[in-house]
Amino acid sequence: MSVVKPILSTEFKVSGRVQGVFFRKYTKGEADRLGLVGWVRNEQDGSVYGKIQGSADAVNQMKSWLQNKGSPMSKITSTNFLNEQTLDKFEYQDFRIVR
């Protein structure tokens, strides 16, 4: 009997110097490395917004990355997580950069 792990889903908003520094590209790379699905995009206010879904462990690793690391040239001033919930199934097939 296999145990189905719950899927954690959360939206994120990262502020600071996060546009024009390959933040979305590095976010996709990290999400792919952790096996997460979802999306990321630039916002009009200069922030980066997105949604991640996966195991609690992978989502928590990604949350730490979004708060503390980011892309090499970025300067993160704040990261907010919104609408965190547990899902029965994934809403996305992969992780994408959306425009």
N, C-alpha and C. Protein backbone atom coordinates (compact mmCIF):
# COMPACT_ATOMS: atom_id res chain seq x y z
N MET A 1 0.84 -1.19 0.00
CA MET A 1 0.00 0.00 0.00
C MET A 1 0.89 1.25 0.00
N SER A 2 0.69 2.12 -0.98
CA SER A 2 1.51 3.33 -1.05
C SER A 2 0.82 4.47 -0.31
N VAL A 3 1.63 5.29 0.31
CA VAL A 3 1.11 6.44 1.03
C VAL A 3 1.19 7.64 0.10
N VAL A 4 0.06 8.31 -0.09
CA VAL A 4 0.03 9.50 -0.95
C VAL A 4 0.38 10.71 -0.10
N LYS A 5 1.45 11.39 -0.48
CA LYS A 5 1.84 12.59 0.26
C LYS A 5 0.98 13.76 -0.19
N PRO A 6 0.54 14.57 0.75
CA PRO A 6 -0.26 15.73 0.35
C PRO A 6 0.58 16.71 -0.48
N ILE A 7 -0.10 17.42 -1.33
CA ILE A 7 0.54 18.43 -2.18
C ILE A 7 0.33 19.79 -1.52
N LEU A 8 1.43 20.47 -1.24
CA LEU A 8 1.35 21.80 -0.67
C LEU A 8 1.40 22.81 -1.81
N SER A 9 0.56 23.83 -1.71
CA SER A 9 0.50 24.88 -2.73
C SER A 9 0.57 26.23 -2.04
N THR A 10 1.39 27.12 -2.58
CA THR A 10 1.45 28.48 -2.04
C THR A 10 1.80 29.47 -3.15
N GLU A 11 1.29 30.67 -3.02
CA GLU A 11 1.67 31.76 -3.91
C GLU A 11 2.77 32.55 -3.21
N PHE A 12 3.59 33.24 -3.99
CA PHE A 12 4.66 34.04 -3.39
C PHE A 12 4.82 35.36 -4.13
N LYS A 13 5.27 36.36 -3.37
CA LYS A 13 5.59 37.66 -3.94
C LYS A 13 6.93 38.08 -3.36
N VAL A 14 7.91 38.28 -4.26
CA VAL A 14 9.25 38.66 -3.84
C VAL A 14 9.51 40.09 -4.31
N SER A 15 9.93 40.94 -3.37
CA SER A 15 10.22 42.34 -3.68
C SER A 15 11.70 42.63 -3.48
N GLY A 16 12.15 43.71 -4.10
CA GLY A 16 13.55 44.12 -4.05
C GLY A 16 14.07 44.28 -5.47
N ARG A 17 15.37 44.05 -5.65
CA ARG A 17 15.92 44.08 -7.01
C ARG A 17 15.79 42.67 -7.57
N VAL A 18 14.62 42.38 -8.15
CA VAL A 18 14.33 41.03 -8.63
C VAL A 18 13.92 40.98 -10.10
N GLN A 19 13.90 42.13 -10.76
CA GLN A 19 13.64 42.14 -12.19
C GLN A 19 14.91 42.60 -12.90
N GLY A 20 15.18 41.98 -14.07
CA GLY A 20 16.37 42.33 -14.83
C GLY A 20 17.63 41.67 -14.27
N VAL A 21 17.47 40.69 -13.38
CA VAL A 21 18.61 40.00 -12.78
C VAL A 21 18.44 38.48 -12.90
N PHE A 22 17.67 38.06 -13.91
CA PHE A 22 17.44 36.63 -14.19
C PHE A 22 16.76 35.90 -13.04
N PHE A 23 15.98 36.62 -12.22
CA PHE A 23 15.32 36.00 -11.06
C PHE A 23 14.35 34.90 -11.49
N ARG A 24 13.56 35.16 -12.52
CA ARG A 24 12.59 34.15 -12.98
C ARG A 24 13.30 32.91 -13.50
N LYS A 25 14.39 33.11 -14.25
CA LYS A 25 15.14 31.97 -14.80
C LYS A 25 15.71 31.11 -13.67
N TYR A 26 16.30 31.74 -12.66
CA TYR A 26 16.85 30.98 -11.53
C TYR A 26 15.75 30.33 -10.70
N THR A 27 14.59 31.02 -10.59
CA THR A 27 13.46 30.44 -9.86
C THR A 27 12.99 29.17 -10.56
N LYS A 28 12.90 29.21 -11.89
CA LYS A 28 12.50 28.02 -12.64
C LYS A 28 13.53 26.89 -12.43
N GLY A 29 14.79 27.23 -12.49
CA GLY A 29 15.84 26.22 -12.29
C GLY A 29 15.75 25.55 -10.93
N GLU A 30 15.50 26.35 -9.90
CA GLU A 30 15.40 25.81 -8.54
C GLU A 30 14.13 24.98 -8.40
N ALA A 31 13.02 25.45 -8.96
CA ALA A 31 11.76 24.70 -8.91
C ALA A 31 11.90 23.36 -9.62
N ASP A 32 12.55 23.37 -10.78
CA ASP A 32 12.77 22.13 -11.52
C ASP A 32 13.66 21.17 -10.72
N ARG A 33 14.69 21.71 -10.09
CA ARG A 33 15.61 20.88 -9.29
C ARG A 33 14.87 20.21 -8.13
N LEU A 34 13.91 20.94 -7.53
CA LEU A 34 13.16 20.43 -6.38
C LEU A 34 11.92 19.61 -6.78
N GLY A 35 11.64 19.54 -8.09
CA GLY A 35 10.47 18.78 -8.56
C GLY A 35 9.15 19.49 -8.31
N LEU A 36 9.17 20.81 -8.31
CA LEU A 36 7.95 21.59 -8.09
C LEU A 36 7.30 21.97 -9.42
N VAL A 37 6.01 22.24 -9.37
CA VAL A 37 5.28 22.74 -10.53
C VAL A 37 4.69 24.10 -10.16
N GLY A 38 4.31 24.86 -11.19
CA GLY A 38 3.71 26.17 -10.96
C GLY A 38 4.18 27.16 -12.01
N TRP A 39 4.32 28.42 -11.60
CA TRP A 39 4.70 29.47 -12.54
C TRP A 39 5.30 30.66 -11.80
N VAL A 40 5.94 31.55 -12.56
CA VAL A 40 6.50 32.79 -12.03
C VAL A 40 6.40 33.87 -13.10
N ARG A 41 6.16 35.11 -12.67
CA ARG A 41 6.08 36.23 -13.63
C ARG A 41 6.53 37.52 -12.96
N ASN A 42 6.92 38.49 -13.80
CA ASN A 42 7.23 39.84 -13.33
C ASN A 42 5.93 40.60 -13.15
N GLU A 43 5.87 41.45 -12.13
CA GLU A 43 4.71 42.30 -11.89
C GLU A 43 5.04 43.74 -12.25
N GLN A 44 4.00 44.53 -12.48
CA GLN A 44 4.18 45.95 -12.85
C GLN A 44 4.90 46.74 -11.77
N ASP A 45 4.74 46.35 -10.50
CA ASP A 45 5.34 47.10 -9.40
C ASP A 45 6.82 46.75 -9.15
N GLY A 46 7.40 45.92 -10.03
CA GLY A 46 8.81 45.58 -9.89
C GLY A 46 9.07 44.31 -9.09
N SER A 47 8.00 43.71 -8.57
CA SER A 47 8.15 42.46 -7.82
C SER A 47 8.05 41.27 -8.75
N VAL A 48 8.27 40.09 -8.20
CA VAL A 48 8.08 38.83 -8.92
C VAL A 48 7.03 38.05 -8.15
N TYR A 49 6.05 37.51 -8.89
CA TYR A 49 4.93 36.79 -8.28
C TYR A 49 4.84 35.41 -8.89
N GLY A 50 4.41 34.44 -8.11
CA GLY A 50 4.27 33.10 -8.65
C GLY A 50 3.54 32.16 -7.74
N LYS A 51 3.49 30.91 -8.17
CA LYS A 51 2.81 29.86 -7.42
C LYS A 51 3.63 28.59 -7.53
N ILE A 52 3.82 27.90 -6.39
CA ILE A 52 4.56 26.65 -6.38
C ILE A 52 3.71 25.56 -5.73
N GLN A 53 3.87 24.34 -6.25
CA GLN A 53 3.16 23.19 -5.71
C GLN A 53 4.10 21.99 -5.69
N GLY A 54 4.02 21.22 -4.60
CA GLY A 54 4.83 20.02 -4.48
C GLY A 54 4.78 19.47 -3.07
N SER A 55 5.72 18.61 -2.73
CA SER A 55 5.77 18.05 -1.38
C SER A 55 6.09 19.17 -0.39
N ALA A 56 5.67 19.01 0.85
CA ALA A 56 5.92 20.03 1.87
C ALA A 56 7.42 20.31 2.00
N ASP A 57 8.23 19.27 1.95
CA ASP A 57 9.68 19.44 2.07
C ASP A 57 10.23 20.30 0.93
N ALA A 58 9.84 19.99 -0.30
CA ALA A 58 10.32 20.75 -1.46
C ALA A 58 9.81 22.19 -1.43
N VAL A 59 8.54 22.37 -1.07
CA VAL A 59 7.97 23.73 -1.01
C VAL A 59 8.71 24.54 0.06
N ASN A 60 8.99 23.93 1.21
CA ASN A 60 9.70 24.66 2.27
C ASN A 60 11.12 25.01 1.86
N GLN A 61 11.79 24.12 1.11
CA GLN A 61 13.13 24.45 0.60
C GLN A 61 13.05 25.63 -0.37
N MET A 62 12.02 25.63 -1.22
CA MET A 62 11.85 26.71 -2.20
C MET A 62 11.52 28.02 -1.49
N LYS A 63 10.71 27.96 -0.44
CA LYS A 63 10.37 29.17 0.32
C LYS A 63 11.65 29.79 0.90
N SER A 64 12.51 28.96 1.44
CA SER A 64 13.77 29.46 1.99
C SER A 64 14.62 30.09 0.89
N TRP A 65 14.67 29.45 -0.28
CA TRP A 65 15.43 29.97 -1.42
C TRP A 65 14.88 31.33 -1.85
N LEU A 66 13.53 31.45 -1.90
CA LEU A 66 12.90 32.70 -2.32
C LEU A 66 13.11 33.82 -1.30
N GLN A 67 13.29 33.48 -0.04
CA GLN A 67 13.50 34.48 1.00
C GLN A 67 14.97 34.89 1.12
N ASN A 68 15.87 33.93 0.93
CA ASN A 68 17.26 34.16 1.31
C ASN A 68 18.29 34.14 0.18
N LYS A 69 17.95 33.55 -0.95
CA LYS A 69 18.97 33.39 -1.98
C LYS A 69 18.62 34.11 -3.28
N GLY A 70 17.68 33.58 -4.04
CA GLY A 70 17.32 34.20 -5.32
C GLY A 70 18.43 34.05 -6.34
N SER A 71 18.40 34.87 -7.38
CA SER A 71 19.43 34.82 -8.40
C SER A 71 20.68 35.54 -7.88
N PRO A 72 21.85 35.24 -8.48
CA PRO A 72 23.10 35.83 -7.97
C PRO A 72 23.10 37.35 -7.88
N MET A 73 22.45 38.04 -8.81
CA MET A 73 22.49 39.51 -8.83
C MET A 73 21.28 40.16 -8.13
N SER A 74 20.37 39.34 -7.62
CA SER A 74 19.17 39.91 -7.00
C SER A 74 19.47 40.41 -5.59
N LYS A 75 18.60 41.31 -5.11
CA LYS A 75 18.65 41.77 -3.73
C LYS A 75 17.23 41.72 -3.21
N ILE A 76 16.94 40.69 -2.43
CA ILE A 76 15.58 40.46 -1.91
C ILE A 76 15.37 41.31 -0.66
N THR A 77 14.31 42.13 -0.68
CA THR A 77 14.00 42.93 0.50
C THR A 77 12.85 42.33 1.29
N SER A 78 11.92 41.64 0.62
CA SER A 78 10.83 40.96 1.33
C SER A 78 10.24 39.86 0.47
N THR A 79 9.76 38.83 1.14
CA THR A 79 9.07 37.73 0.47
C THR A 79 7.82 37.41 1.28
N ASN A 80 6.69 37.39 0.59
CA ASN A 80 5.42 37.07 1.24
C ASN A 80 4.83 35.81 0.62
N PHE A 81 4.26 34.97 1.45
CA PHE A 81 3.60 33.75 0.98
C PHE A 81 2.11 33.88 1.28
N LEU A 82 1.28 33.57 0.28
CA LEU A 82 -0.15 33.78 0.38
C LEU A 82 -0.91 32.53 -0.05
N ASN A 83 -2.11 32.39 0.45
CA ASN A 83 -3.03 31.33 0.02
C ASN A 83 -2.42 29.94 0.10
N GLU A 84 -1.70 29.65 1.18
CA GLU A 84 -1.12 28.32 1.33
C GLU A 84 -2.23 27.32 1.63
N GLN A 85 -2.20 26.20 0.91
CA GLN A 85 -3.23 25.18 1.08
C GLN A 85 -2.72 23.81 0.68
N THR A 86 -3.45 22.79 1.08
CA THR A 86 -3.12 21.43 0.70
C THR A 86 -4.08 20.99 -0.40
N LEU A 87 -3.54 20.37 -1.44
CA LEU A 87 -4.34 19.94 -2.59
C LEU A 87 -4.34 18.42 -2.72
N ASP A 88 -5.35 17.90 -3.40
CA ASP A 88 -5.43 16.46 -3.69
C ASP A 88 -4.63 16.12 -4.95
N LYS A 89 -4.56 17.10 -5.89
CA LYS A 89 -3.83 16.85 -7.13
C LYS A 89 -3.21 18.15 -7.61
N PHE A 90 -2.18 18.00 -8.45
CA PHE A 90 -1.49 19.17 -8.99
C PHE A 90 -2.39 19.94 -9.95
N GLU A 91 -2.23 21.26 -9.96
CA GLU A 91 -2.96 22.12 -10.90
C GLU A 91 -2.14 22.37 -12.18
N TYR A 92 -0.84 22.04 -12.13
CA TYR A 92 0.05 22.29 -13.26
C TYR A 92 0.85 21.04 -13.58
N GLN A 93 1.39 20.98 -14.80
CA GLN A 93 2.19 19.83 -15.24
C GLN A 93 3.68 20.05 -15.01
N ASP A 94 4.10 21.34 -15.02
CA ASP A 94 5.51 21.67 -14.93
C ASP A 94 5.64 23.07 -14.33
N PHE A 95 6.84 23.62 -14.36
CA PHE A 95 7.06 24.97 -13.86
C PHE A 95 7.41 25.87 -15.03
N ARG A 96 6.71 27.00 -15.16
CA ARG A 96 6.90 27.90 -16.30
C ARG A 96 7.13 29.34 -15.91
N ILE A 97 7.80 30.02 -16.80
CA ILE A 97 7.92 31.46 -16.71
C ILE A 97 6.80 32.02 -17.58
N VAL A 98 5.91 32.81 -16.98
CA VAL A 98 4.81 33.40 -17.76
C VAL A 98 5.04 34.91 -17.88
N ARG A 99 4.52 35.46 -18.98
CA ARG A 99 4.73 36.88 -19.23
C ARG A 99 3.43 37.64 -19.11
